[in-house]
Amino acid sequence: VEREVKKESEEGKKMLKKNNLDDLVSRLTGKSKGITTLSKTEHDWNKFKKNEGIEDELTTYRKNGYIEKMKFLKQTDEKLEEDL
C-alpha cells in the first residue's frame, strides 16, 4: 500500500526521519530491514477489507461497539449524578 505524503508535512518529516534512521542502522549492521510480521499482517488485513468491501461495515460496527456503548452509559451516569 502506497500513499503520497508531502515531505514538508509533519507526517512526511517523521517518515523521512524514520527512513533515515532505518537506512543508517542497515548500513552500520550490514543488514537490510525486511518487512515485519506486524506490517505484513496489517497490509494483508487492509487488502482483505478492501477486496471484500467490508470497510464501511466494520466502521459501523466499531462505532456501535461495546466500548462506545460503555462510554455512553458512563457519560449518562455522570450527567444523572450532576443533576442530583
Protein backbone atom coordinates (compact mmCIF):
# COMPACT_ATOMS: atom_id res chain seq x y z
CA VAL A 1 0.00 0.00 0.00
CA GLU A 2 1.47 3.30 -1.01
CA ARG A 3 0.37 6.84 -0.32
CA GLU A 4 1.85 10.17 -1.28
CA VAL A 5 2.85 12.46 1.56
CA LYS A 6 4.37 15.90 1.24
CA LYS A 7 7.81 15.91 2.80
CA GLU A 8 7.12 19.34 4.34
CA SER A 9 4.19 17.96 6.37
CA GLU A 10 4.63 16.59 9.90
CA GLU A 11 3.94 13.06 8.67
CA GLY A 12 6.47 13.49 5.87
CA LYS A 13 9.13 14.71 8.27
CA LYS A 14 8.51 11.73 10.57
CA MET A 15 8.74 9.32 7.66
CA LEU A 16 11.98 10.87 6.41
CA LYS A 17 13.48 10.71 9.88
CA LYS A 18 12.41 7.08 10.32
CA ASN A 19 13.69 6.14 6.86
CA ASN A 20 16.99 7.87 7.55
CA LEU A 21 17.39 6.02 10.86
CA ASP A 22 16.49 2.68 9.27
CA ASP A 23 18.97 3.38 6.48
CA LEU A 24 21.69 4.26 8.98
CA VAL A 25 21.11 1.12 11.02
CA SER A 26 21.13 -1.08 7.94
CA ARG A 27 24.40 0.47 6.76
CA LEU A 28 26.03 0.05 10.17
CA THR A 29 24.90 -3.53 10.70
CA GLY A 30 25.16 -4.60 7.09
CA LYS A 31 21.63 -6.00 7.27
CA SER A 32 18.67 -4.62 5.42
CA LYS A 33 15.43 -4.38 7.31
CA GLY A 34 12.76 -6.62 5.86
CA ILE A 35 9.05 -6.47 6.35
CA THR A 36 7.89 -7.34 9.86
CA THR A 37 5.15 -9.80 10.66
CA LEU A 38 3.05 -7.00 12.07
CA SER A 39 3.33 -4.78 8.99
CA LYS A 40 2.68 -7.77 6.70
CA THR A 41 -0.42 -8.71 8.69
CA GLU A 42 -1.67 -5.12 8.65
CA HIS A 43 -1.14 -4.95 4.88
CA ASP A 44 -2.94 -8.27 4.33
CA TRP A 45 -5.86 -7.24 6.55
CA ASN A 46 -6.28 -3.90 4.76
CA LYS A 47 -6.13 -5.66 1.40
CA PHE A 48 -8.73 -8.21 2.53
CA LYS A 49 -11.10 -5.48 3.80
CA LYS A 50 -10.81 -3.63 0.52
CA ASN A 51 -11.27 -6.75 -1.65
CA GLU A 52 -14.30 -7.93 0.34
CA GLY A 53 -15.81 -4.43 0.51
CA ILE A 54 -16.35 -4.63 4.26
CA GLU A 55 -14.56 -1.45 5.36
CA ASP A 56 -17.80 0.51 5.84
CA GLU A 57 -19.46 -2.35 7.69
CA LEU A 58 -16.51 -2.69 10.08
CA THR A 59 -16.50 1.05 10.69
CA THR A 60 -20.20 0.94 11.51
CA TYR A 61 -19.79 -1.95 13.93
CA ARG A 62 -16.77 -0.32 15.50
CA LYS A 63 -18.80 2.85 16.05
CA ASN A 64 -21.63 0.83 17.58
CA GLY A 65 -19.31 -1.39 19.55
CA TYR A 66 -19.00 -2.28 23.19
CA ILE A 67 -16.51 0.44 24.14
CA GLU A 68 -18.65 3.18 22.68
CA LYS A 69 -21.74 1.86 24.45
CA MET A 70 -19.91 1.70 27.77
CA LYS A 71 -18.60 5.23 27.26
CA PHE A 72 -22.13 6.43 26.55
CA LEU A 73 -23.51 4.73 29.67
CA LYS A 74 -20.74 6.22 31.80
CA GLN A 75 -21.45 9.72 30.44
CA THR A 76 -25.16 9.22 31.10
CA ASP A 77 -24.49 8.16 34.68
CA GLU A 78 -22.25 11.19 35.22
CA LYS A 79 -24.94 13.54 33.90
CA LEU A 80 -27.55 11.95 36.16
CA GLU A 81 -25.25 12.39 39.17
CA GLU A 82 -24.72 16.06 38.26
CA ASP A 83 -28.47 16.63 38.15
CA LEU A 84 -28.97 15.16 41.61
